[in-house]
Amino acid sequence: MPENTPKTKDDLFTFLDGLGIAHKTVDHPPVFTVAESVALREEIPGGHTKNLFIKDKKDRYFLLTVEENAEVDLKQVHTIIGGSGRVSFGRAERLMEYLGVIPGAVTAFGAINDTAGNVTFVLDADLMAEETVNCHPLANDATTSIASGDLVRFMEATGHKPLVLKVTS
């Protein structure tokens, strides 16, 4: 277990407010998959995300945040993100340790919990072309909308320099 308790939704909102970043959150029943969240599209405009927590052959961890319907070629993505050899999915224990979230609640906002810099965050260029990006606020019972540029600003404020790359086909 990490020495620090993972941040909560309220901690995240306080952090965003402190940065002067506008955000709007809609509470909803917990959703664990993209398919389960489709019913929320009319209520929540903007780009909706899918997150892949992966690791390379040297146990370097990455979080790929892409548009919910995008395809990622896991056999080739390491060549785009600078990984060593093919990637595989990271274990749930590492997900909680590094990002402070459980499977089904994976989010780019997990950067707030990665104080040791264990994860490289990759934001898909197509997703970042959206004016608004929607992410879980560290739990899967809500969706938080934020301007795409502010998502980058948030990550930088957590000590991460996200890579904005075209990782989808």
C-alpha atoms as a PDB file:
ATOM      1  CA  MET A   1       0.000   0.000   0.000  1.00  0.00           C
ATOM      2  CA  PRO A   2       1.190   3.520  -0.643  1.00  0.00           C
ATOM      3  CA  GLU A   3       2.184   5.574   2.360  1.00  0.00           C
ATOM      4  CA  ASN A   4      -0.161   8.343   1.305  1.00  0.00           C
ATOM      5  CA  THR A   5      -3.897   7.827   1.157  1.00  0.00           C
ATOM      6  CA  PRO A   6      -5.208   8.371  -2.382  1.00  0.00           C
ATOM      7  CA  LYS A   7      -6.864  11.695  -3.060  1.00  0.00           C
ATOM      8  CA  THR A   8     -10.658  11.880  -3.228  1.00  0.00           C
ATOM      9  CA  LYS A   9     -13.011  13.612  -5.654  1.00  0.00           C
ATOM     10  CA  ASP A  10     -13.208  16.562  -3.276  1.00  0.00           C
ATOM     11  CA  ASP A  11      -9.400  16.764  -3.112  1.00  0.00           C
ATOM     12  CA  LEU A  12      -9.318  16.800  -6.914  1.00  0.00           C
ATOM     13  CA  PHE A  13     -11.935  19.553  -7.149  1.00  0.00           C
ATOM     14  CA  THR A  14     -10.071  21.651  -4.563  1.00  0.00           C
ATOM     15  CA  PHE A  15      -6.846  21.199  -6.567  1.00  0.00           C
ATOM     16  CA  LEU A  16      -8.576  22.227  -9.818  1.00  0.00           C
ATOM     17  CA  ASP A  17     -10.161  25.230  -8.108  1.00  0.00           C
ATOM     18  CA  GLY A  18      -6.743  26.241  -6.772  1.00  0.00           C
ATOM     19  CA  LEU A  19      -5.434  26.263 -10.337  1.00  0.00           C
ATOM     20  CA  GLY A  20      -8.390  28.319 -11.523  1.00  0.00           C
ATOM     21  CA  ILE A  21      -9.512  25.477 -13.792  1.00  0.00           C
ATOM     22  CA  ALA A  22     -13.221  25.409 -14.603  1.00  0.00           C
ATOM     23  CA  HIS A  23     -14.832  21.993 -14.223  1.00  0.00           C
ATOM     24  CA  LYS A  24     -18.326  20.539 -14.136  1.00  0.00           C
ATOM     25  CA  THR A  25     -19.219  17.196 -12.607  1.00  0.00           C
ATOM     26  CA  VAL A  26     -22.292  15.047 -13.179  1.00  0.00           C
ATOM     27  CA  ASP A  27     -23.011  12.311 -10.629  1.00  0.00           C
ATOM     28  CA  HIS A  28     -24.419   9.049 -11.993  1.00  0.00           C
ATOM     29  CA  PRO A  29     -24.634   5.356 -11.084  1.00  0.00           C
ATOM     30  CA  PRO A  30     -21.209   3.657 -11.159  1.00  0.00           C
ATOM     31  CA  VAL A  31     -20.060   2.647 -14.650  1.00  0.00           C
ATOM     32  CA  PHE A  32     -17.237   0.183 -15.211  1.00  0.00           C
ATOM     33  CA  THR A  33     -17.018   0.100 -19.004  1.00  0.00           C
ATOM     34  CA  VAL A  34     -17.405   2.442 -21.960  1.00  0.00           C
ATOM     35  CA  ALA A  35     -20.514   0.467 -22.991  1.00  0.00           C
ATOM     36  CA  GLU A  36     -22.171   1.154 -19.636  1.00  0.00           C
ATOM     37  CA  SER A  37     -21.500   4.882 -19.916  1.00  0.00           C
ATOM     38  CA  VAL A  38     -23.054   5.422 -23.368  1.00  0.00           C
ATOM     39  CA  ALA A  39     -26.417   6.392 -21.847  1.00  0.00           C
ATOM     40  CA  LEU A  40     -24.787   9.517 -20.404  1.00  0.00           C
ATOM     41  CA  ARG A  41     -23.757  11.031 -23.760  1.00  0.00           C
ATOM     42  CA  GLU A  42     -26.763  13.348 -24.193  1.00  0.00           C
ATOM     43  CA  GLU A  43     -26.330  14.713 -20.675  1.00  0.00           C
ATOM     44  CA  ILE A  44     -22.550  15.183 -20.902  1.00  0.00           C
ATOM     45  CA  PRO A  45     -21.201  16.740 -24.131  1.00  0.00           C
ATOM     46  CA  GLY A  46     -17.575  16.568 -25.264  1.00  0.00           C
ATOM     47  CA  GLY A  47     -14.963  13.859 -25.769  1.00  0.00           C
ATOM     48  CA  HIS A  48     -15.449  10.813 -23.579  1.00  0.00           C
ATOM     49  CA  THR A  49     -12.428   8.790 -22.553  1.00  0.00           C
ATOM     50  CA  LYS A  50     -11.153   5.263 -22.426  1.00  0.00           C
ATOM     51  CA  ASN A  51      -8.013   4.678 -20.352  1.00  0.00           C
ATOM     52  CA  LEU A  52      -5.455   1.916 -20.777  1.00  0.00           C
ATOM     53  CA  PHE A  53      -3.026   1.331 -17.904  1.00  0.00           C
ATOM     54  CA  ILE A  54      -0.108  -0.498 -19.476  1.00  0.00           C
ATOM     55  CA  LYS A  55       3.505  -1.395 -18.816  1.00  0.00           C
ATOM     56  CA  ASP A  56       6.447  -2.173 -21.054  1.00  0.00           C
ATOM     57  CA  LYS A  57       9.099  -4.899 -20.812  1.00  0.00           C
ATOM     58  CA  LYS A  58      11.188  -2.750 -18.441  1.00  0.00           C
ATOM     59  CA  ASP A  59       8.209  -2.307 -16.066  1.00  0.00           C
ATOM     60  CA  ARG A  60       7.707   1.327 -17.045  1.00  0.00           C
ATOM     61  CA  TYR A  61       4.064   2.289 -16.678  1.00  0.00           C
ATOM     62  CA  PHE A  62       1.925   4.374 -19.013  1.00  0.00           C
ATOM     63  CA  LEU A  63      -1.637   5.603 -18.962  1.00  0.00           C
ATOM     64  CA  LEU A  64      -3.095   6.038 -22.438  1.00  0.00           C
ATOM     65  CA  THR A  65      -6.153   8.284 -22.456  1.00  0.00           C
ATOM     66  CA  VAL A  66      -8.015   8.060 -25.752  1.00  0.00           C
ATOM     67  CA  GLU A  67     -11.493   8.760 -27.127  1.00  0.00           C
ATOM     68  CA  GLU A  68     -13.911   6.076 -25.938  1.00  0.00           C
ATOM     69  CA  ASN A  69     -14.463   4.449 -29.358  1.00  0.00           C
ATOM     70  CA  ALA A  70     -10.857   4.679 -30.553  1.00  0.00           C
ATOM     71  CA  GLU A  71      -8.781   1.600 -31.314  1.00  0.00           C
ATOM     72  CA  VAL A  72      -5.265   1.196 -29.900  1.00  0.00           C
ATOM     73  CA  ASP A  73      -2.933  -1.383 -31.453  1.00  0.00           C
ATOM     74  CA  LEU A  74      -1.296  -2.819 -28.344  1.00  0.00           C
ATOM     75  CA  LYS A  75       1.208  -4.716 -30.488  1.00  0.00           C
ATOM     76  CA  GLN A  76       2.572  -1.481 -31.980  1.00  0.00           C
ATOM     77  CA  VAL A  77       1.816   1.331 -29.533  1.00  0.00           C
ATOM     78  CA  HIS A  78       5.180   0.911 -27.764  1.00  0.00           C
ATOM     79  CA  THR A  79       6.883   2.323 -30.869  1.00  0.00           C
ATOM     80  CA  ILE A  80       4.818   5.517 -30.586  1.00  0.00           C
ATOM     81  CA  ILE A  81       5.065   6.074 -26.811  1.00  0.00           C
ATOM     82  CA  GLY A  82       8.739   5.138 -26.444  1.00  0.00           C
ATOM     83  CA  GLY A  83       8.133   1.862 -24.622  1.00  0.00           C
ATOM     84  CA  SER A  84      10.605  -0.998 -24.493  1.00  0.00           C
ATOM     85  CA  GLY A  85       9.078  -3.906 -26.359  1.00  0.00           C
ATOM     86  CA  ARG A  86       5.426  -4.798 -26.505  1.00  0.00           C
ATOM     87  CA  VAL A  87       3.183  -3.599 -23.731  1.00  0.00           C
ATOM     88  CA  SER A  88       0.779  -5.460 -21.474  1.00  0.00           C
ATOM     89  CA  PHE A  89      -1.855  -4.325 -19.037  1.00  0.00           C
ATOM     90  CA  GLY A  90      -0.677  -3.227 -15.617  1.00  0.00           C
ATOM     91  CA  ARG A  91      -1.902  -5.062 -12.523  1.00  0.00           C
ATOM     92  CA  ALA A  92      -4.717  -3.664 -10.391  1.00  0.00           C
ATOM     93  CA  GLU A  93      -2.359  -3.432  -7.410  1.00  0.00           C
ATOM     94  CA  ARG A  94      -0.054  -1.065  -9.321  1.00  0.00           C
ATOM     95  CA  LEU A  95      -3.048   0.910 -10.558  1.00  0.00           C
ATOM     96  CA  MET A  96      -4.104   1.567  -6.963  1.00  0.00           C
ATOM     97  CA  GLU A  97      -0.537   2.160  -5.779  1.00  0.00           C
ATOM     98  CA  TYR A  98       0.379   4.612  -8.527  1.00  0.00           C
ATOM     99  CA  LEU A  99      -2.912   6.281  -9.505  1.00  0.00           C
ATOM    100  CA  GLY A 100      -5.100   5.667  -6.453  1.00  0.00           C
ATOM    101  CA  VAL A 101      -7.962   4.152  -8.447  1.00  0.00           C
ATOM    102  CA  ILE A 102      -9.531   0.746  -9.038  1.00  0.00           C
ATOM    103  CA  PRO A 103     -10.190  -0.918 -12.411  1.00  0.00           C
ATOM    104  CA  GLY A 104     -13.299   0.670 -13.889  1.00  0.00           C
ATOM    105  CA  ALA A 105     -12.396   4.073 -12.441  1.00  0.00           C
ATOM    106  CA  VAL A 106      -9.131   4.642 -14.326  1.00  0.00           C
ATOM    107  CA  THR A 107      -8.699   8.286 -15.231  1.00  0.00           C
ATOM    108  CA  ALA A 108      -6.173  10.868 -16.354  1.00  0.00           C
ATOM    109  CA  PHE A 109      -6.974  12.661 -13.091  1.00  0.00           C
ATOM    110  CA  GLY A 110      -5.049   9.836 -11.384  1.00  0.00           C
ATOM    111  CA  ALA A 111      -1.960  11.967 -12.037  1.00  0.00           C
ATOM    112  CA  ILE A 112      -2.789  13.749  -8.781  1.00  0.00           C
ATOM    113  CA  ASN A 113      -1.918  10.546  -6.895  1.00  0.00           C
ATOM    114  CA  ASP A 114       1.285   9.723  -8.828  1.00  0.00           C
ATOM    115  CA  THR A 115       3.523  11.846  -6.631  1.00  0.00           C
ATOM    116  CA  ALA A 116       6.568   9.665  -7.340  1.00  0.00           C
ATOM    117  CA  GLY A 117       6.258  10.007 -11.116  1.00  0.00           C
ATOM    118  CA  ASN A 118       5.859   6.285 -11.766  1.00  0.00           C
ATOM    119  CA  VAL A 119       3.531   6.743 -14.739  1.00  0.00           C
ATOM    120  CA  THR A 120       3.969   8.427 -18.107  1.00  0.00           C
ATOM    121  CA  PHE A 121       0.689   9.962 -19.220  1.00  0.00           C
ATOM    122  CA  VAL A 122      -0.167   9.824 -22.913  1.00  0.00           C
ATOM    123  CA  LEU A 123      -3.105  11.837 -24.236  1.00  0.00           C
ATOM    124  CA  ASP A 124      -4.261  10.889 -27.713  1.00  0.00           C
ATOM    125  CA  ALA A 125      -4.008  13.798 -30.153  1.00  0.00           C
ATOM    126  CA  ASP A 126      -7.495  13.118 -31.550  1.00  0.00           C
ATOM    127  CA  LEU A 127      -9.024  13.325 -28.068  1.00  0.00           C
ATOM    128  CA  MET A 128      -7.127  16.524 -27.326  1.00  0.00           C
ATOM    129  CA  ALA A 129      -8.671  18.124 -30.441  1.00  0.00           C
ATOM    130  CA  GLU A 130     -11.959  18.112 -28.514  1.00  0.00           C
ATOM    131  CA  GLU A 131     -12.805  21.355 -26.726  1.00  0.00           C
ATOM    132  CA  THR A 132     -13.998  19.458 -23.646  1.00  0.00           C
ATOM    133  CA  VAL A 133     -12.683  16.172 -22.267  1.00  0.00           C
ATOM    134  CA  ASN A 134     -14.679  14.042 -19.812  1.00  0.00           C
ATOM    135  CA  CYS A 135     -12.961  11.901 -17.186  1.00  0.00           C
ATOM    136  CA  HIS A 136     -13.925  10.085 -14.005  1.00  0.00           C
ATOM    137  CA  PRO A 137     -12.960  12.204 -10.980  1.00  0.00           C
ATOM    138  CA  LEU A 138     -11.046   9.328  -9.264  1.00  0.00           C
ATOM    139  CA  ALA A 139     -14.284   7.325  -8.912  1.00  0.00           C
ATOM    140  CA  ASN A 140     -16.622   5.836 -11.494  1.00  0.00           C
ATOM    141  CA  ASP A 141     -19.849   7.282 -10.070  1.00  0.00           C
ATOM    142  CA  ALA A 142     -19.348  10.689 -11.675  1.00  0.00           C
ATOM    143  CA  THR A 143     -17.945  12.333 -14.789  1.00  0.00           C
ATOM    144  CA  THR A 144     -15.994  15.585 -14.726  1.00  0.00           C
ATOM    145  CA  SER A 145     -15.800  17.838 -17.790  1.00  0.00           C
ATOM    146  CA  ILE A 146     -12.721  20.006 -18.285  1.00  0.00           C
ATOM    147  CA  ALA A 147     -11.255  21.937 -21.223  1.00  0.00           C
ATOM    148  CA  SER A 148      -8.651  19.847 -23.062  1.00  0.00           C
ATOM    149  CA  GLY A 149      -5.977  22.505 -22.556  1.00  0.00           C
ATOM    150  CA  ASP A 150      -6.786  22.610 -18.842  1.00  0.00           C
ATOM    151  CA  LEU A 151      -6.282  18.841 -18.610  1.00  0.00           C
ATOM    152  CA  VAL A 152      -2.703  19.385 -19.764  1.00  0.00           C
ATOM    153  CA  ARG A 153      -2.321  22.266 -17.313  1.00  0.00           C
ATOM    154  CA  PHE A 154      -3.654  20.040 -14.498  1.00  0.00           C
ATOM    155  CA  MET A 155      -1.138  17.303 -15.334  1.00  0.00           C
ATOM    156  CA  GLU A 156       1.738  19.760 -15.435  1.00  0.00           C
ATOM    157  CA  ALA A 157       0.668  21.077 -12.014  1.00  0.00           C
ATOM    158  CA  THR A 158       0.924  17.506 -10.672  1.00  0.00           C
ATOM    159  CA  GLY A 159       4.518  17.307 -11.913  1.00  0.00           C
ATOM    160  CA  HIS A 160       3.807  15.382 -15.128  1.00  0.00           C
ATOM    161  CA  LYS A 161       4.498  16.435 -18.686  1.00  0.00           C
ATOM    162  CA  PRO A 162       1.898  14.498 -20.673  1.00  0.00           C
ATOM    163  CA  LEU A 163       2.766  13.268 -24.122  1.00  0.00           C
ATOM    164  CA  VAL A 164       0.167  14.299 -26.709  1.00  0.00           C
ATOM    165  CA  LEU A 165       0.568  11.692 -29.429  1.00  0.00           C
ATOM    166  CA  LYS A 166      -1.563  10.013 -32.089  1.00  0.00           C
ATOM    167  CA  VAL A 167      -1.839   6.525 -30.544  1.00  0.00           C
ATOM    168  CA  THR A 168      -5.153   5.461 -32.075  1.00  0.00           C
ATOM    169  CA  SER A 169      -6.134   4.134 -35.457  1.00  0.00           C
END
